Amino acid sequence: MQIGDLVRYVDPATRKIPSTPMPLVLLGVVMDMKIKMTMASNNTDMVHAYVLWNNTARQAHWIPTDYLEVLG
């Protein structure tokens, strides 16, 4: 994954079960990447991507890269 990639949000809980697709599809573009601390994994450092979502509000969020899948 690198800056400029088209990505979609993928919930790791449903990624492993192919018969249970995630009901919500979010597409976005990676604008920046950095290592940040996350509480989800016992306060460890993880690579996060700053994603500009392709929605009407043009929201952007820092998301752990484990939750993103590169398209194309």
N, C-alpha and C. Protein backbone atom coordinates (compact mmCIF):
# COMPACT_ATOMS: atom_id res chain seq x y z
N MET A 1 0.85 -1.17 0.00
CA MET A 1 0.00 0.00 0.00
C MET A 1 0.89 1.23 0.00
N GLN A 2 0.47 2.23 -0.79
CA GLN A 2 1.24 3.47 -0.85
C GLN A 2 0.30 4.64 -1.09
N ILE A 3 0.81 5.84 -0.95
CA ILE A 3 0.02 7.04 -1.14
C ILE A 3 -0.51 7.07 -2.57
N GLY A 4 -1.80 7.37 -2.71
CA GLY A 4 -2.45 7.43 -4.01
C GLY A 4 -3.21 6.18 -4.38
N ASP A 5 -3.07 5.10 -3.62
CA ASP A 5 -3.79 3.86 -3.91
C ASP A 5 -5.28 4.00 -3.62
N LEU A 6 -6.09 3.36 -4.44
CA LEU A 6 -7.52 3.26 -4.20
C LEU A 6 -7.73 2.07 -3.26
N VAL A 7 -8.42 2.31 -2.15
CA VAL A 7 -8.61 1.26 -1.15
C VAL A 7 -10.09 1.16 -0.77
N ARG A 8 -10.41 0.03 -0.17
CA ARG A 8 -11.74 -0.12 0.41
C ARG A 8 -11.58 -0.60 1.83
N TYR A 9 -12.55 -0.24 2.67
CA TYR A 9 -12.55 -0.66 4.06
C TYR A 9 -13.01 -2.11 4.13
N VAL A 10 -12.27 -2.91 4.87
CA VAL A 10 -12.60 -4.32 5.05
C VAL A 10 -12.51 -4.63 6.53
N ASP A 11 -13.60 -5.13 7.08
CA ASP A 11 -13.61 -5.50 8.49
C ASP A 11 -12.87 -6.82 8.65
N PRO A 12 -11.79 -6.86 9.44
CA PRO A 12 -11.03 -8.11 9.60
C PRO A 12 -11.88 -9.26 10.13
N ALA A 13 -12.94 -8.98 10.87
CA ALA A 13 -13.78 -10.04 11.41
C ALA A 13 -14.54 -10.77 10.31
N THR A 14 -14.94 -10.06 9.25
CA THR A 14 -15.69 -10.70 8.17
C THR A 14 -14.82 -11.06 6.98
N ARG A 15 -13.58 -10.60 6.95
CA ARG A 15 -12.68 -10.90 5.83
C ARG A 15 -12.40 -12.39 5.72
N LYS A 16 -12.35 -13.09 6.84
CA LYS A 16 -11.98 -14.50 6.84
C LYS A 16 -13.16 -15.42 6.52
N ILE A 17 -14.36 -14.86 6.47
CA ILE A 17 -15.56 -15.66 6.20
C ILE A 17 -16.14 -15.21 4.86
N PRO A 18 -15.78 -15.87 3.76
CA PRO A 18 -16.21 -15.41 2.44
C PRO A 18 -17.72 -15.39 2.24
N SER A 19 -18.47 -16.22 2.95
CA SER A 19 -19.91 -16.25 2.78
C SER A 19 -20.61 -15.13 3.54
N THR A 20 -19.85 -14.34 4.30
CA THR A 20 -20.42 -13.22 5.06
C THR A 20 -19.81 -11.91 4.57
N PRO A 21 -20.29 -11.38 3.45
CA PRO A 21 -19.72 -10.13 2.96
C PRO A 21 -20.09 -8.95 3.86
N MET A 22 -19.23 -7.97 3.91
CA MET A 22 -19.51 -6.80 4.71
C MET A 22 -20.63 -6.01 4.04
N PRO A 23 -21.65 -5.61 4.79
CA PRO A 23 -22.80 -4.94 4.17
C PRO A 23 -22.50 -3.53 3.68
N LEU A 24 -21.44 -2.90 4.18
CA LEU A 24 -21.11 -1.53 3.83
C LEU A 24 -19.82 -1.50 3.02
N VAL A 25 -19.82 -0.84 1.88
CA VAL A 25 -18.61 -0.73 1.06
C VAL A 25 -18.16 0.72 1.06
N LEU A 26 -16.97 0.97 1.59
CA LEU A 26 -16.40 2.31 1.60
C LEU A 26 -15.16 2.32 0.73
N LEU A 27 -15.12 3.23 -0.24
CA LEU A 27 -13.96 3.38 -1.11
C LEU A 27 -13.30 4.71 -0.81
N GLY A 28 -11.97 4.73 -0.89
CA GLY A 28 -11.24 5.96 -0.64
C GLY A 28 -9.86 5.93 -1.24
N VAL A 29 -9.15 7.05 -1.11
CA VAL A 29 -7.80 7.19 -1.64
C VAL A 29 -6.86 7.47 -0.47
N VAL A 30 -5.72 6.78 -0.44
CA VAL A 30 -4.72 6.98 0.61
C VAL A 30 -4.01 8.31 0.36
N MET A 31 -4.08 9.20 1.35
CA MET A 31 -3.47 10.53 1.23
C MET A 31 -2.13 10.62 1.97
N ASP A 32 -1.97 9.83 3.03
CA ASP A 32 -0.76 9.88 3.85
C ASP A 32 -0.66 8.58 4.63
N MET A 33 0.53 8.27 5.11
CA MET A 33 0.73 7.07 5.94
C MET A 33 1.73 7.40 7.04
N LYS A 34 1.49 6.82 8.23
CA LYS A 34 2.44 6.98 9.33
C LYS A 34 2.22 5.89 10.35
N ILE A 35 3.20 5.73 11.21
CA ILE A 35 3.10 4.77 12.31
C ILE A 35 2.46 5.49 13.49
N LYS A 36 1.38 4.91 13.99
CA LYS A 36 0.67 5.48 15.13
C LYS A 36 0.39 4.39 16.14
N MET A 37 0.20 4.78 17.40
CA MET A 37 -0.15 3.82 18.44
C MET A 37 -1.64 3.54 18.35
N THR A 38 -2.00 2.29 18.54
CA THR A 38 -3.41 1.91 18.51
C THR A 38 -3.78 1.16 19.77
N MET A 39 -4.93 1.47 20.32
CA MET A 39 -5.39 0.78 21.52
C MET A 39 -6.02 -0.57 21.17
N ALA A 40 -6.39 -0.75 19.91
CA ALA A 40 -7.04 -2.00 19.50
C ALA A 40 -6.11 -3.19 19.64
N SER A 41 -4.81 -2.96 19.54
CA SER A 41 -3.84 -4.06 19.64
C SER A 41 -2.92 -3.85 20.84
N ASN A 42 -3.49 -3.60 22.00
CA ASN A 42 -2.73 -3.48 23.25
C ASN A 42 -1.67 -2.40 23.20
N ASN A 43 -2.04 -1.22 22.69
CA ASN A 43 -1.16 -0.05 22.64
C ASN A 43 0.15 -0.31 21.89
N THR A 44 0.06 -1.00 20.77
CA THR A 44 1.24 -1.23 19.94
C THR A 44 1.24 -0.26 18.77
N ASP A 45 2.40 -0.08 18.17
CA ASP A 45 2.52 0.79 17.01
C ASP A 45 2.11 0.03 15.76
N MET A 46 1.28 0.66 14.94
CA MET A 46 0.82 0.06 13.69
C MET A 46 0.85 1.12 12.60
N VAL A 47 0.98 0.68 11.36
CA VAL A 47 0.93 1.60 10.24
C VAL A 47 -0.53 1.98 10.00
N HIS A 48 -0.77 3.28 9.93
CA HIS A 48 -2.11 3.81 9.65
C HIS A 48 -2.05 4.58 8.33
N ALA A 49 -3.16 4.58 7.62
CA ALA A 49 -3.28 5.35 6.38
C ALA A 49 -4.34 6.42 6.58
N TYR A 50 -4.06 7.62 6.10
CA TYR A 50 -5.04 8.71 6.12
C TYR A 50 -5.82 8.59 4.82
N VAL A 51 -7.10 8.20 4.93
CA VAL A 51 -7.91 7.89 3.76
C VAL A 51 -8.97 8.97 3.56
N LEU A 52 -9.02 9.51 2.34
CA LEU A 52 -10.06 10.43 1.93
C LEU A 52 -11.16 9.59 1.30
N TRP A 53 -12.31 9.50 1.98
CA TRP A 53 -13.39 8.62 1.53
C TRP A 53 -14.17 9.26 0.39
N ASN A 54 -14.64 8.43 -0.51
CA ASN A 54 -15.43 8.89 -1.65
C ASN A 54 -16.91 8.89 -1.25
N ASN A 55 -17.26 9.80 -0.34
CA ASN A 55 -18.66 9.95 0.06
C ASN A 55 -19.06 11.41 -0.10
N THR A 56 -20.31 11.72 0.10
CA THR A 56 -20.78 13.08 -0.15
C THR A 56 -20.18 14.10 0.80
N ALA A 57 -19.79 13.69 2.00
CA ALA A 57 -19.20 14.61 2.97
C ALA A 57 -17.69 14.75 2.81
N ARG A 58 -17.08 13.92 1.94
CA ARG A 58 -15.62 13.94 1.72
C ARG A 58 -14.85 13.83 3.03
N GLN A 59 -15.26 12.88 3.87
CA GLN A 59 -14.61 12.66 5.15
C GLN A 59 -13.25 12.01 4.96
N ALA A 60 -12.36 12.22 5.93
CA ALA A 60 -11.04 11.59 5.91
C ALA A 60 -10.73 11.10 7.33
N HIS A 61 -10.14 9.91 7.43
CA HIS A 61 -9.83 9.32 8.73
C HIS A 61 -8.50 8.57 8.68
N TRP A 62 -7.86 8.47 9.85
CA TRP A 62 -6.70 7.60 10.01
C TRP A 62 -7.22 6.20 10.31
N ILE A 63 -6.85 5.23 9.48
CA ILE A 63 -7.33 3.85 9.61
C ILE A 63 -6.12 2.91 9.63
N PRO A 64 -6.09 1.92 10.55
CA PRO A 64 -5.01 0.92 10.49
C PRO A 64 -5.04 0.20 9.13
N THR A 65 -3.89 -0.06 8.57
CA THR A 65 -3.84 -0.68 7.24
C THR A 65 -4.41 -2.09 7.24
N ASP A 66 -4.54 -2.72 8.41
CA ASP A 66 -5.17 -4.05 8.47
C ASP A 66 -6.64 -3.99 8.06
N TYR A 67 -7.24 -2.80 8.12
CA TYR A 67 -8.65 -2.63 7.80
C TYR A 67 -8.86 -2.17 6.35
N LEU A 68 -7.79 -2.11 5.58
CA LEU A 68 -7.89 -1.61 4.21
C LEU A 68 -7.39 -2.66 3.21
N GLU A 69 -8.00 -2.66 2.04
CA GLU A 69 -7.60 -3.56 0.95
C GLU A 69 -7.39 -2.71 -0.29
N VAL A 70 -6.23 -2.85 -0.91
CA VAL A 70 -5.92 -2.10 -2.14
C VAL A 70 -6.69 -2.71 -3.31
N LEU A 71 -7.31 -1.85 -4.10
CA LEU A 71 -8.05 -2.28 -5.29
C LEU A 71 -7.21 -1.98 -6.52
N GLY A 72 -7.22 -2.90 -7.45
CA GLY A 72 -6.53 -2.68 -8.74
C GLY A 72 -5.11 -2.80 -8.61
